[in-house]
Amino acid sequence: MKGAIFDLDGVLVDTAKYHFQAWQRLANFMDIEFTEDDNEHLKGVSRAESLERILAKGNVQKTQEEKEQLMALKNNWYLELVNQMTADEALPGAINFLNYCKNSGIKIALGSSSKNAPLILDKLGIANLFDAIVDGNVVTESKPNPKVFLTAAEKLALSPAECTVFEDAISGVQAAKDGGFYCVGIGTKEVLPLADEIAISLGEYSVR
């Protein structure tokens, strides 16, 4: 492994709970039921595609201008929660593993659909550890499209075969495999059957 590419939500930090709270608030605002199970299907998906799925669930039609307003509203609610974050909210072992990679000469990149990734990394105090950051501001294609990981590898000047992707979402693992990457799934084999191997957290993973 010459390069390590990390998803953000569910791998380095648990902001999924904040996304859920904000999406649920927006869905309720439109009288659409939104459960934690619904939220599982939005992991690794862009903001625009997430909104489309919620609108489809409620059979609600909106103009493009209204969709833009709704996405902005959701993001404002999400940022209210994120701005209260501290470094203590990094997932177990995440920061130690990033430091291990850095000290071992392994290049580090972020590969996330989130447009708020820079803010979150700053809140965690780990932005300086990354050699490249590829997020929703850089790549618009949603996972399972592998573009976010391919772009990250390119920015590290490495091939997919030289990089390992760390992902917790089904769509993210699919993106990694479609892009030709070795993938470590953060979670369980039942949920992430396509992952090459599984770890409960970065703190539990040992570099082979």
N, C-alpha and C. Protein backbone atom coordinates (compact mmCIF):
# COMPACT_ATOMS: atom_id res chain seq x y z
N MET A 1 0.84 -1.20 0.00
CA MET A 1 0.00 0.00 0.00
C MET A 1 0.87 1.24 0.00
N LYS A 2 0.85 1.97 -1.10
CA LYS A 2 1.58 3.23 -1.19
C LYS A 2 0.68 4.43 -0.89
N GLY A 3 -0.63 4.21 -1.05
CA GLY A 3 -1.58 5.28 -0.80
C GLY A 3 -2.81 4.75 -0.08
N ALA A 4 -3.37 5.55 0.80
CA ALA A 4 -4.60 5.21 1.52
C ALA A 4 -5.62 6.30 1.25
N ILE A 5 -6.79 5.88 0.78
CA ILE A 5 -7.86 6.83 0.47
C ILE A 5 -9.02 6.56 1.41
N PHE A 6 -9.42 7.59 2.13
CA PHE A 6 -10.44 7.43 3.17
C PHE A 6 -11.74 8.13 2.81
N ASP A 7 -12.84 7.41 2.97
CA ASP A 7 -14.14 8.08 3.02
C ASP A 7 -14.17 8.85 4.33
N LEU A 8 -15.08 9.78 4.45
CA LEU A 8 -15.15 10.61 5.67
C LEU A 8 -16.17 10.09 6.67
N ASP A 9 -17.45 10.19 6.28
CA ASP A 9 -18.53 9.80 7.19
C ASP A 9 -18.52 8.30 7.45
N GLY A 10 -18.44 7.92 8.71
CA GLY A 10 -18.49 6.51 9.07
C GLY A 10 -17.14 5.82 9.07
N VAL A 11 -16.11 6.52 8.59
CA VAL A 11 -14.75 5.95 8.58
C VAL A 11 -13.84 6.75 9.51
N LEU A 12 -13.81 8.06 9.32
CA LEU A 12 -12.99 8.93 10.16
C LEU A 12 -13.81 9.58 11.27
N VAL A 13 -15.06 9.85 10.99
CA VAL A 13 -15.92 10.54 11.95
C VAL A 13 -17.37 10.13 11.70
N ASP A 14 -18.17 10.18 12.74
CA ASP A 14 -19.58 9.80 12.57
C ASP A 14 -20.44 11.05 12.42
N THR A 15 -20.45 11.58 11.22
CA THR A 15 -21.36 12.70 10.96
C THR A 15 -22.67 12.20 10.35
N ALA A 16 -22.76 10.88 10.17
CA ALA A 16 -23.99 10.30 9.61
C ALA A 16 -25.19 10.66 10.48
N LYS A 17 -24.97 10.74 11.80
CA LYS A 17 -26.07 11.07 12.70
C LYS A 17 -26.57 12.49 12.45
N TYR A 18 -25.65 13.39 12.08
CA TYR A 18 -26.04 14.76 11.79
C TYR A 18 -26.77 14.86 10.46
N HIS A 19 -26.29 14.07 9.47
CA HIS A 19 -26.99 14.03 8.19
C HIS A 19 -28.42 13.50 8.39
N PHE A 20 -28.52 12.45 9.18
CA PHE A 20 -29.84 11.87 9.43
C PHE A 20 -30.78 12.88 10.07
N GLN A 21 -30.29 13.58 11.08
CA GLN A 21 -31.13 14.56 11.78
C GLN A 21 -31.57 15.67 10.84
N ALA A 22 -30.65 16.12 9.98
CA ALA A 22 -30.97 17.22 9.06
C ALA A 22 -31.91 16.75 7.95
N TRP A 23 -31.66 15.57 7.37
CA TRP A 23 -32.55 15.04 6.32
C TRP A 23 -33.94 14.74 6.89
N GLN A 24 -33.97 14.19 8.10
CA GLN A 24 -35.26 13.88 8.71
C GLN A 24 -36.06 15.17 8.97
N ARG A 25 -35.37 16.18 9.42
CA ARG A 25 -36.03 17.47 9.65
C ARG A 25 -36.58 18.03 8.35
N LEU A 26 -35.81 17.89 7.25
CA LEU A 26 -36.27 18.39 5.95
C LEU A 26 -37.45 17.56 5.44
N ALA A 27 -37.35 16.24 5.60
CA ALA A 27 -38.45 15.37 5.16
C ALA A 27 -39.74 15.68 5.92
N ASN A 28 -39.61 15.84 7.23
CA ASN A 28 -40.78 16.18 8.05
C ASN A 28 -41.36 17.53 7.63
N PHE A 29 -40.48 18.44 7.23
CA PHE A 29 -40.90 19.76 6.76
C PHE A 29 -41.81 19.63 5.53
N MET A 30 -41.58 18.55 4.75
CA MET A 30 -42.39 18.30 3.55
C MET A 30 -43.44 17.22 3.78
N ASP A 31 -43.64 16.83 5.06
CA ASP A 31 -44.61 15.78 5.42
C ASP A 31 -44.26 14.44 4.78
N ILE A 32 -42.97 14.13 4.72
CA ILE A 32 -42.50 12.84 4.21
C ILE A 32 -41.88 12.08 5.37
N GLU A 33 -42.29 10.83 5.55
CA GLU A 33 -41.71 10.00 6.60
C GLU A 33 -40.28 9.62 6.22
N PHE A 34 -39.36 9.74 7.15
CA PHE A 34 -37.95 9.43 6.88
C PHE A 34 -37.37 8.72 8.09
N THR A 35 -36.96 7.46 7.89
CA THR A 35 -36.48 6.63 8.99
C THR A 35 -34.96 6.42 8.89
N GLU A 36 -34.39 5.80 9.91
CA GLU A 36 -32.97 5.49 9.90
C GLU A 36 -32.64 4.52 8.77
N ASP A 37 -33.58 3.63 8.45
CA ASP A 37 -33.38 2.70 7.33
C ASP A 37 -33.30 3.47 6.01
N ASP A 38 -34.16 4.48 5.85
CA ASP A 38 -34.10 5.33 4.65
C ASP A 38 -32.74 6.01 4.57
N ASN A 39 -32.24 6.44 5.72
CA ASN A 39 -30.96 7.15 5.76
C ASN A 39 -29.79 6.27 5.33
N GLU A 40 -29.88 4.96 5.61
CA GLU A 40 -28.82 4.03 5.22
C GLU A 40 -28.59 4.07 3.71
N HIS A 41 -29.67 4.29 2.95
CA HIS A 41 -29.57 4.28 1.49
C HIS A 41 -29.02 5.60 0.93
N LEU A 42 -28.79 6.57 1.82
CA LEU A 42 -28.23 7.85 1.37
C LEU A 42 -26.74 7.95 1.65
N LYS A 43 -26.18 6.96 2.34
CA LYS A 43 -24.76 7.00 2.68
C LYS A 43 -23.91 6.94 1.42
N GLY A 44 -22.98 7.87 1.30
CA GLY A 44 -22.10 7.91 0.15
C GLY A 44 -22.73 8.53 -1.08
N VAL A 45 -23.97 9.03 -0.93
CA VAL A 45 -24.71 9.61 -2.06
C VAL A 45 -24.66 11.13 -1.97
N SER A 46 -24.60 11.80 -3.09
CA SER A 46 -24.52 13.26 -3.10
C SER A 46 -25.78 13.90 -2.53
N ARG A 47 -25.65 15.17 -2.18
CA ARG A 47 -26.78 15.91 -1.61
C ARG A 47 -27.95 15.97 -2.58
N ALA A 48 -27.65 16.23 -3.86
CA ALA A 48 -28.72 16.34 -4.86
C ALA A 48 -29.44 15.02 -5.05
N GLU A 49 -28.67 13.93 -5.15
CA GLU A 49 -29.28 12.62 -5.34
C GLU A 49 -30.06 12.20 -4.09
N SER A 50 -29.55 12.54 -2.91
CA SER A 50 -30.26 12.23 -1.66
C SER A 50 -31.63 12.90 -1.64
N LEU A 51 -31.66 14.17 -2.02
CA LEU A 51 -32.93 14.89 -2.06
C LEU A 51 -33.89 14.24 -3.05
N GLU A 52 -33.38 13.85 -4.22
CA GLU A 52 -34.22 13.21 -5.23
C GLU A 52 -34.86 11.94 -4.68
N ARG A 53 -34.11 11.18 -3.92
CA ARG A 53 -34.63 9.93 -3.35
C ARG A 53 -35.71 10.20 -2.31
N ILE A 54 -35.50 11.25 -1.51
CA ILE A 54 -36.51 11.60 -0.50
C ILE A 54 -37.79 12.09 -1.16
N LEU A 55 -37.64 12.94 -2.18
CA LEU A 55 -38.82 13.44 -2.91
C LEU A 55 -39.58 12.29 -3.58
N ALA A 56 -38.82 11.34 -4.14
CA ALA A 56 -39.46 10.18 -4.79
C ALA A 56 -40.22 9.34 -3.78
N LYS A 57 -39.64 9.19 -2.58
CA LYS A 57 -40.30 8.41 -1.53
C LYS A 57 -41.64 9.03 -1.15
N GLY A 58 -41.68 10.37 -1.11
CA GLY A 58 -42.91 11.06 -0.75
C GLY A 58 -43.78 11.39 -1.94
N ASN A 59 -43.31 10.99 -3.14
CA ASN A 59 -44.03 11.31 -4.39
C ASN A 59 -44.30 12.81 -4.49
N VAL A 60 -43.27 13.60 -4.17
CA VAL A 60 -43.36 15.06 -4.16
C VAL A 60 -42.60 15.63 -5.36
N GLN A 61 -43.19 16.56 -6.04
CA GLN A 61 -42.56 17.20 -7.19
C GLN A 61 -42.10 18.61 -6.80
N LYS A 62 -40.88 18.95 -7.18
CA LYS A 62 -40.34 20.28 -6.91
C LYS A 62 -39.61 20.80 -8.15
N THR A 63 -39.63 22.11 -8.31
CA THR A 63 -38.86 22.71 -9.41
C THR A 63 -37.38 22.68 -9.03
N GLN A 64 -36.51 22.91 -10.01
CA GLN A 64 -35.08 22.92 -9.73
C GLN A 64 -34.74 24.02 -8.73
N GLU A 65 -35.39 25.17 -8.85
CA GLU A 65 -35.14 26.26 -7.90
C GLU A 65 -35.55 25.87 -6.50
N GLU A 66 -36.69 25.19 -6.37
CA GLU A 66 -37.14 24.74 -5.05
C GLU A 66 -36.19 23.68 -4.48
N LYS A 67 -35.67 22.82 -5.34
CA LYS A 67 -34.71 21.80 -4.89
C LYS A 67 -33.45 22.46 -4.35
N GLU A 68 -32.98 23.49 -5.02
CA GLU A 68 -31.79 24.21 -4.56
C GLU A 68 -32.03 24.82 -3.18
N GLN A 69 -33.23 25.38 -2.99
CA GLN A 69 -33.58 25.98 -1.70
C GLN A 69 -33.64 24.92 -0.61
N LEU A 70 -34.21 23.76 -0.93
CA LEU A 70 -34.32 22.68 0.05
C LEU A 70 -32.94 22.13 0.43
N MET A 71 -32.06 21.99 -0.55
CA MET A 71 -30.71 21.50 -0.26
C MET A 71 -29.95 22.50 0.61
N ALA A 72 -30.14 23.77 0.35
CA ALA A 72 -29.48 24.80 1.16
C ALA A 72 -30.01 24.77 2.59
N LEU A 73 -31.31 24.56 2.73
CA LEU A 73 -31.93 24.50 4.05
C LEU A 73 -31.39 23.32 4.84
N LYS A 74 -31.34 22.15 4.17
CA LYS A 74 -30.80 20.95 4.84
C LYS A 74 -29.37 21.18 5.27
N ASN A 75 -28.57 21.77 4.38
CA ASN A 75 -27.16 21.98 4.68
C ASN A 75 -26.96 22.96 5.84
N ASN A 76 -27.80 23.97 5.91
CA ASN A 76 -27.73 24.91 7.04
C ASN A 76 -28.00 24.21 8.36
N TRP A 77 -29.01 23.35 8.37
CA TRP A 77 -29.33 22.59 9.59
C TRP A 77 -28.19 21.65 9.95
N TYR A 78 -27.61 21.02 8.93
CA TYR A 78 -26.48 20.11 9.14
C TYR A 78 -25.27 20.86 9.71
N LEU A 79 -24.97 22.03 9.14
CA LEU A 79 -23.82 22.80 9.58
C LEU A 79 -23.97 23.31 11.01
N GLU A 80 -25.20 23.59 11.41
CA GLU A 80 -25.45 23.99 12.79
C GLU A 80 -24.95 22.91 13.75
N LEU A 81 -25.14 21.65 13.36
CA LEU A 81 -24.70 20.53 14.19
C LEU A 81 -23.19 20.31 14.07
N VAL A 82 -22.67 20.38 12.86
CA VAL A 82 -21.24 20.14 12.62
C VAL A 82 -20.37 21.19 13.31
N ASN A 83 -20.84 22.42 13.36
CA ASN A 83 -20.06 23.49 13.97
C ASN A 83 -19.86 23.30 15.46
N GLN A 84 -20.59 22.35 16.04
CA GLN A 84 -20.42 22.05 17.47
C GLN A 84 -19.44 20.89 17.68
N MET A 85 -18.90 20.33 16.59
CA MET A 85 -18.00 19.18 16.68
C MET A 85 -16.66 19.55 17.33
N THR A 86 -16.03 18.53 17.91
CA THR A 86 -14.67 18.66 18.44
C THR A 86 -13.85 17.46 17.98
N ALA A 87 -12.54 17.50 18.21
CA ALA A 87 -11.65 16.40 17.82
C ALA A 87 -12.02 15.09 18.50
N ASP A 88 -12.72 15.18 19.63
CA ASP A 88 -13.13 13.99 20.36
C ASP A 88 -14.12 13.14 19.58
N GLU A 89 -14.70 13.71 18.53
CA GLU A 89 -15.71 12.97 17.76
C GLU A 89 -15.13 12.13 16.63
N ALA A 90 -13.80 12.14 16.48
CA ALA A 90 -13.17 11.22 15.53
C ALA A 90 -13.46 9.80 15.99
N LEU A 91 -13.67 8.90 15.05
CA LEU A 91 -13.99 7.51 15.39
C LEU A 91 -12.77 6.83 16.01
N PRO A 92 -12.99 5.79 16.82
CA PRO A 92 -11.89 5.13 17.54
C PRO A 92 -10.73 4.71 16.64
N GLY A 93 -9.56 5.17 16.98
CA GLY A 93 -8.35 4.78 16.27
C GLY A 93 -8.09 5.52 14.97
N ALA A 94 -9.03 6.36 14.52
CA ALA A 94 -8.92 7.01 13.21
C ALA A 94 -7.69 7.91 13.12
N ILE A 95 -7.53 8.81 14.07
CA ILE A 95 -6.42 9.76 14.02
C ILE A 95 -5.08 9.04 14.19
N ASN A 96 -5.05 8.05 15.08
CA ASN A 96 -3.82 7.27 15.26
C ASN A 96 -3.42 6.56 13.97
N PHE A 97 -4.44 6.04 13.24
CA PHE A 97 -4.13 5.33 11.99
C PHE A 97 -3.63 6.29 10.91
N LEU A 98 -4.22 7.47 10.86
CA LEU A 98 -3.73 8.48 9.90
C LEU A 98 -2.28 8.84 10.20
N ASN A 99 -1.97 9.01 11.47
CA ASN A 99 -0.59 9.34 11.86
C ASN A 99 0.36 8.19 11.53
N TYR A 100 -0.12 6.96 11.70
CA TYR A 100 0.69 5.79 11.37
C TYR A 100 1.03 5.80 9.88
N CYS A 101 0.03 6.05 9.04
CA CYS A 101 0.25 6.10 7.60
C CYS A 101 1.25 7.19 7.25
N LYS A 102 1.05 8.35 7.84
CA LYS A 102 1.93 9.49 7.58
C LYS A 102 3.37 9.17 7.95
N ASN A 103 3.54 8.57 9.13
CA ASN A 103 4.88 8.25 9.61
C ASN A 103 5.52 7.10 8.84
N SER A 104 4.70 6.30 8.15
CA SER A 104 5.19 5.15 7.39
C SER A 104 5.44 5.50 5.93
N GLY A 105 5.23 6.77 5.56
CA GLY A 105 5.47 7.18 4.18
C GLY A 105 4.34 6.83 3.23
N ILE A 106 3.19 6.47 3.77
CA ILE A 106 2.02 6.17 2.95
C ILE A 106 1.28 7.47 2.67
N LYS A 107 1.03 7.77 1.39
CA LYS A 107 0.30 8.98 1.03
C LYS A 107 -1.16 8.85 1.43
N ILE A 108 -1.74 9.97 1.86
CA ILE A 108 -3.11 9.96 2.38
C ILE A 108 -3.99 10.90 1.58
N ALA A 109 -5.16 10.40 1.19
CA ALA A 109 -6.14 11.24 0.50
C ALA A 109 -7.52 11.02 1.09
N LEU A 110 -8.36 12.03 0.96
CA LEU A 110 -9.76 11.91 1.32
C LEU A 110 -10.55 11.72 0.03
N GLY A 111 -11.50 10.80 0.05
CA GLY A 111 -12.39 10.59 -1.09
C GLY A 111 -13.82 10.57 -0.61
N SER A 112 -14.44 11.74 -0.57
CA SER A 112 -15.77 11.88 0.04
C SER A 112 -16.71 12.66 -0.86
N SER A 113 -18.00 12.31 -0.77
CA SER A 113 -19.02 13.05 -1.52
C SER A 113 -19.41 14.35 -0.82
N SER A 114 -18.99 14.49 0.43
CA SER A 114 -19.40 15.65 1.23
C SER A 114 -18.76 16.95 0.74
N LYS A 115 -19.57 17.99 0.62
CA LYS A 115 -19.05 19.31 0.28
C LYS A 115 -18.53 20.03 1.52
N ASN A 116 -18.81 19.47 2.69
CA ASN A 116 -18.38 20.08 3.94
C ASN A 116 -17.13 19.43 4.51
N ALA A 117 -16.47 18.59 3.71
CA ALA A 117 -15.31 17.85 4.20
C ALA A 117 -14.22 18.75 4.78
N PRO A 118 -13.83 19.86 4.11
CA PRO A 118 -12.78 20.71 4.68
C PRO A 118 -13.12 21.23 6.08
N LEU A 119 -14.38 21.63 6.27
CA LEU A 119 -14.82 22.13 7.58
C LEU A 119 -14.70 21.04 8.64
N ILE A 120 -15.14 19.82 8.30
CA ILE A 120 -15.11 18.72 9.26
C ILE A 120 -13.67 18.34 9.61
N LEU A 121 -12.80 18.27 8.61
CA LEU A 121 -11.40 17.95 8.87
C LEU A 121 -10.76 19.01 9.75
N ASP A 122 -11.14 20.26 9.53
CA ASP A 122 -10.62 21.36 10.34
C ASP A 122 -11.11 21.23 11.78
N LYS A 123 -12.38 20.88 11.96
CA LYS A 123 -12.94 20.70 13.30
C LYS A 123 -12.24 19.57 14.05
N LEU A 124 -11.83 18.54 13.30
CA LEU A 124 -11.15 17.40 13.91
C LEU A 124 -9.65 17.67 14.11
N GLY A 125 -9.16 18.74 13.47
CA GLY A 125 -7.75 19.09 13.60
C GLY A 125 -6.82 18.19 12.83
N ILE A 126 -7.30 17.61 11.71
CA ILE A 126 -6.49 16.65 10.97
C ILE A 126 -6.30 17.02 9.50
N ALA A 127 -6.74 18.20 9.10
CA ALA A 127 -6.64 18.60 7.69
C ALA A 127 -5.21 18.55 7.18
N ASN A 128 -4.25 18.88 8.06
CA ASN A 128 -2.84 18.95 7.65
C ASN A 128 -2.23 17.58 7.36
N LEU A 129 -2.91 16.51 7.74
CA LEU A 129 -2.38 15.16 7.52
C LEU A 129 -2.57 14.67 6.09
N PHE A 130 -3.48 15.32 5.34
CA PHE A 130 -3.84 14.82 4.02
C PHE A 130 -2.98 15.41 2.90
N ASP A 131 -2.54 14.52 2.01
CA ASP A 131 -1.79 14.95 0.83
C ASP A 131 -2.73 15.43 -0.27
N ALA A 132 -3.98 14.97 -0.24
CA ALA A 132 -4.97 15.38 -1.23
C ALA A 132 -6.36 15.25 -0.63
N ILE A 133 -7.22 16.20 -0.98
CA ILE A 133 -8.61 16.16 -0.53
C ILE A 133 -9.51 16.25 -1.75
N VAL A 134 -10.27 15.20 -1.97
CA VAL A 134 -11.23 15.16 -3.07
C VAL A 134 -12.62 14.99 -2.45
N ASP A 135 -13.46 16.01 -2.64
CA ASP A 135 -14.79 15.99 -2.03
C ASP A 135 -15.84 16.39 -3.05
N GLY A 136 -17.04 16.68 -2.55
CA GLY A 136 -18.15 17.04 -3.43
C GLY A 136 -17.96 18.36 -4.15
N ASN A 137 -16.98 19.15 -3.71
CA ASN A 137 -16.67 20.40 -4.41
C ASN A 137 -15.75 20.16 -5.61
N VAL A 138 -15.10 19.00 -5.63
CA VAL A 138 -14.15 18.66 -6.69
C VAL A 138 -14.78 17.71 -7.72
N VAL A 139 -15.50 16.72 -7.22
CA VAL A 139 -16.13 15.71 -8.07
C VAL A 139 -17.63 15.71 -7.83
N THR A 140 -18.41 15.81 -8.89
CA THR A 140 -19.87 15.88 -8.74
C THR A 140 -20.54 14.51 -8.87
N GLU A 141 -19.83 13.55 -9.46
CA GLU A 141 -20.41 12.21 -9.62
C GLU A 141 -20.51 11.50 -8.27
N SER A 142 -21.66 10.94 -7.99
CA SER A 142 -21.88 10.23 -6.72
C SER A 142 -21.36 8.80 -6.79
N LYS A 143 -20.91 8.29 -5.67
CA LYS A 143 -20.64 6.86 -5.57
C LYS A 143 -21.99 6.14 -5.80
N PRO A 144 -22.01 5.01 -6.50
CA PRO A 144 -20.92 4.09 -6.81
C PRO A 144 -20.05 4.44 -8.02
N ASN A 145 -20.23 5.60 -8.60
CA ASN A 145 -19.28 6.04 -9.63
C ASN A 145 -17.90 6.17 -8.96
N PRO A 146 -16.87 5.56 -9.53
CA PRO A 146 -15.55 5.56 -8.88
C PRO A 146 -14.74 6.84 -9.06
N LYS A 147 -15.32 7.86 -9.69
CA LYS A 147 -14.57 9.07 -10.04
C LYS A 147 -13.86 9.70 -8.83
N VAL A 148 -14.51 9.74 -7.68
CA VAL A 148 -13.92 10.39 -6.51
C VAL A 148 -12.63 9.69 -6.09
N PHE A 149 -12.60 8.35 -6.15
CA PHE A 149 -11.41 7.61 -5.76
C PHE A 149 -10.33 7.67 -6.85
N LEU A 150 -10.75 7.62 -8.10
CA LEU A 150 -9.80 7.71 -9.20
C LEU A 150 -9.10 9.07 -9.20
N THR A 151 -9.88 10.12 -8.89
CA THR A 151 -9.30 11.46 -8.81
C THR A 151 -8.32 11.57 -7.65
N ALA A 152 -8.68 10.95 -6.52
CA ALA A 152 -7.79 10.97 -5.36
C ALA A 152 -6.47 10.27 -5.67
N ALA A 153 -6.55 9.10 -6.32
CA ALA A 153 -5.33 8.38 -6.68
C ALA A 153 -4.47 9.20 -7.63
N GLU A 154 -5.13 9.86 -8.57
CA GLU A 154 -4.41 10.70 -9.53
C GLU A 154 -3.69 11.84 -8.82
N LYS A 155 -4.35 12.44 -7.83
CA LYS A 155 -3.73 13.54 -7.08
C LYS A 155 -2.55 13.06 -6.23
N LEU A 156 -2.58 11.78 -5.86
CA LEU A 156 -1.46 11.21 -5.12
C LEU A 156 -0.36 10.71 -6.05
N ALA A 157 -0.61 10.80 -7.37
CA ALA A 157 0.32 10.30 -8.39
C ALA A 157 0.55 8.80 -8.24
N LEU A 158 -0.54 8.09 -7.93
CA LEU A 158 -0.49 6.63 -7.77
C LEU A 158 -1.56 5.98 -8.63
N SER A 159 -1.38 4.70 -8.95
CA SER A 159 -2.40 3.95 -9.67
C SER A 159 -3.38 3.37 -8.66
N PRO A 160 -4.60 3.01 -9.10
CA PRO A 160 -5.55 2.36 -8.18
C PRO A 160 -4.96 1.12 -7.51
N ALA A 161 -4.15 0.36 -8.24
CA ALA A 161 -3.56 -0.87 -7.70
C ALA A 161 -2.60 -0.59 -6.54
N GLU A 162 -2.12 0.64 -6.44
CA GLU A 162 -1.17 0.99 -5.38
C GLU A 162 -1.87 1.58 -4.15
N CYS A 163 -3.21 1.73 -4.24
CA CYS A 163 -3.96 2.38 -3.16
C CYS A 163 -4.98 1.44 -2.51
N THR A 164 -5.21 1.67 -1.24
CA THR A 164 -6.28 0.98 -0.52
C THR A 164 -7.34 1.99 -0.14
N VAL A 165 -8.59 1.66 -0.41
CA VAL A 165 -9.72 2.52 -0.05
C VAL A 165 -10.36 1.99 1.23
N PHE A 166 -10.67 2.91 2.14
CA PHE A 166 -11.35 2.56 3.39
C PHE A 166 -12.75 3.15 3.33
N GLU A 167 -13.76 2.29 3.34
CA GLU A 167 -15.15 2.70 3.12
C GLU A 167 -16.11 1.97 4.06
N ASP A 168 -17.20 2.66 4.42
CA ASP A 168 -18.22 2.01 5.26
C ASP A 168 -19.56 1.86 4.55
N ALA A 169 -19.69 2.42 3.34
CA ALA A 169 -20.97 2.40 2.64
C ALA A 169 -20.96 1.41 1.48
N ILE A 170 -22.11 0.81 1.22
CA ILE A 170 -22.23 -0.14 0.12
C ILE A 170 -21.84 0.51 -1.20
N SER A 171 -22.34 1.72 -1.43
CA SER A 171 -22.05 2.41 -2.69
C SER A 171 -20.57 2.75 -2.79
N GLY A 172 -19.94 3.05 -1.67
CA GLY A 172 -18.53 3.39 -1.66
C GLY A 172 -17.65 2.20 -1.96
N VAL A 173 -17.99 1.05 -1.38
CA VAL A 173 -17.24 -0.19 -1.66
C VAL A 173 -17.38 -0.55 -3.13
N GLN A 174 -18.58 -0.42 -3.67
CA GLN A 174 -18.81 -0.69 -5.09
C GLN A 174 -17.96 0.23 -5.95
N ALA A 175 -17.89 1.51 -5.57
CA ALA A 175 -17.08 2.48 -6.32
C ALA A 175 -15.61 2.09 -6.30
N ALA A 176 -15.14 1.67 -5.13
CA ALA A 176 -13.73 1.28 -5.01
C ALA A 176 -13.41 0.09 -5.89
N LYS A 177 -14.26 -0.91 -5.85
CA LYS A 177 -14.01 -2.12 -6.63
C LYS A 177 -14.11 -1.84 -8.13
N ASP A 178 -15.10 -1.03 -8.52
CA ASP A 178 -15.25 -0.67 -9.94
C ASP A 178 -14.06 0.14 -10.43
N GLY A 179 -13.41 0.85 -9.52
CA GLY A 179 -12.26 1.66 -9.90
C GLY A 179 -10.95 0.89 -9.90
N GLY A 180 -10.98 -0.37 -9.47
CA GLY A 180 -9.78 -1.19 -9.47
C GLY A 180 -8.96 -1.10 -8.20
N PHE A 181 -9.59 -0.68 -7.10
CA PHE A 181 -8.89 -0.52 -5.83
C PHE A 181 -9.08 -1.73 -4.92
N TYR A 182 -8.10 -1.96 -4.05
CA TYR A 182 -8.28 -2.87 -2.93
C TYR A 182 -9.11 -2.11 -1.90
N CYS A 183 -10.11 -2.77 -1.31
CA CYS A 183 -11.02 -2.05 -0.41
C CYS A 183 -11.16 -2.73 0.94
N VAL A 184 -10.94 -1.95 1.98
CA VAL A 184 -11.20 -2.40 3.35
C VAL A 184 -12.54 -1.82 3.78
N GLY A 185 -13.48 -2.69 4.08
CA GLY A 185 -14.79 -2.26 4.52
C GLY A 185 -14.80 -2.03 6.02
N ILE A 186 -15.27 -0.86 6.43
CA ILE A 186 -15.39 -0.57 7.86
C ILE A 186 -16.83 -0.91 8.25
N GLY A 187 -16.99 -2.04 8.91
CA GLY A 187 -18.34 -2.51 9.25
C GLY A 187 -18.37 -4.01 9.35
N THR A 188 -19.33 -4.65 8.66
CA THR A 188 -19.46 -6.10 8.72
C THR A 188 -19.50 -6.69 7.31
N LYS A 189 -19.13 -7.96 7.19
CA LYS A 189 -19.12 -8.64 5.89
C LYS A 189 -20.55 -8.79 5.36
N GLU A 190 -21.52 -8.89 6.27
CA GLU A 190 -22.91 -9.03 5.86
C GLU A 190 -23.39 -7.79 5.11
N VAL A 191 -22.99 -6.62 5.59
CA VAL A 191 -23.41 -5.36 4.97
C VAL A 191 -22.53 -5.01 3.76
N LEU A 192 -21.23 -5.37 3.85
CA LEU A 192 -20.27 -4.99 2.81
C LEU A 192 -19.61 -6.24 2.19
N PRO A 193 -20.38 -7.07 1.53
CA PRO A 193 -19.84 -8.34 1.02
C PRO A 193 -18.79 -8.18 -0.08
N LEU A 194 -18.78 -7.04 -0.78
CA LEU A 194 -17.82 -6.85 -1.87
C LEU A 194 -16.44 -6.39 -1.40
N ALA A 195 -16.34 -6.00 -0.13
CA ALA A 195 -15.05 -5.54 0.39
C ALA A 195 -14.04 -6.68 0.41
N ASP A 196 -12.77 -6.35 0.15
CA ASP A 196 -11.73 -7.38 0.14
C ASP A 196 -11.45 -7.90 1.54
N GLU A 197 -11.58 -7.03 2.51
CA GLU A 197 -11.49 -7.45 3.92
C GLU A 197 -12.28 -6.47 4.77
N ILE A 198 -12.51 -6.87 6.01
CA ILE A 198 -13.38 -6.11 6.91
C ILE A 198 -12.65 -5.75 8.20
N ALA A 199 -12.91 -4.54 8.68
CA ALA A 199 -12.44 -4.12 10.01
C ALA A 199 -13.58 -3.38 10.70
N ILE A 200 -13.68 -3.55 11.98
CA ILE A 200 -14.73 -2.87 12.74
C ILE A 200 -14.49 -1.37 12.76
N SER A 201 -13.22 -1.00 12.82
CA SER A 201 -12.84 0.42 12.81
C SER A 201 -11.39 0.52 12.33
N LEU A 202 -10.93 1.74 12.05
CA LEU A 202 -9.53 1.91 11.67
C LEU A 202 -8.60 1.50 12.82
N GLY A 203 -9.09 1.67 14.03
CA GLY A 203 -8.29 1.28 15.19
C GLY A 203 -8.06 -0.22 15.27
N GLU A 204 -8.92 -1.00 14.60
CA GLU A 204 -8.80 -2.45 14.63
C GLU A 204 -8.04 -2.99 13.41
N TYR A 205 -7.69 -2.09 12.48
CA TYR A 205 -7.05 -2.54 11.23
C TYR A 205 -5.55 -2.52 11.33
N SER A 206 -4.92 -3.61 10.86
CA SER A 206 -3.46 -3.68 10.82
C SER A 206 -3.02 -3.72 9.36
N VAL A 207 -2.10 -2.86 8.97
CA VAL A 207 -1.60 -2.84 7.59
C VAL A 207 -0.88 -4.13 7.31
N ARG A 208 -1.24 -4.77 6.20
CA ARG A 208 -0.64 -6.07 5.84
C ARG A 208 0.74 -5.87 5.25
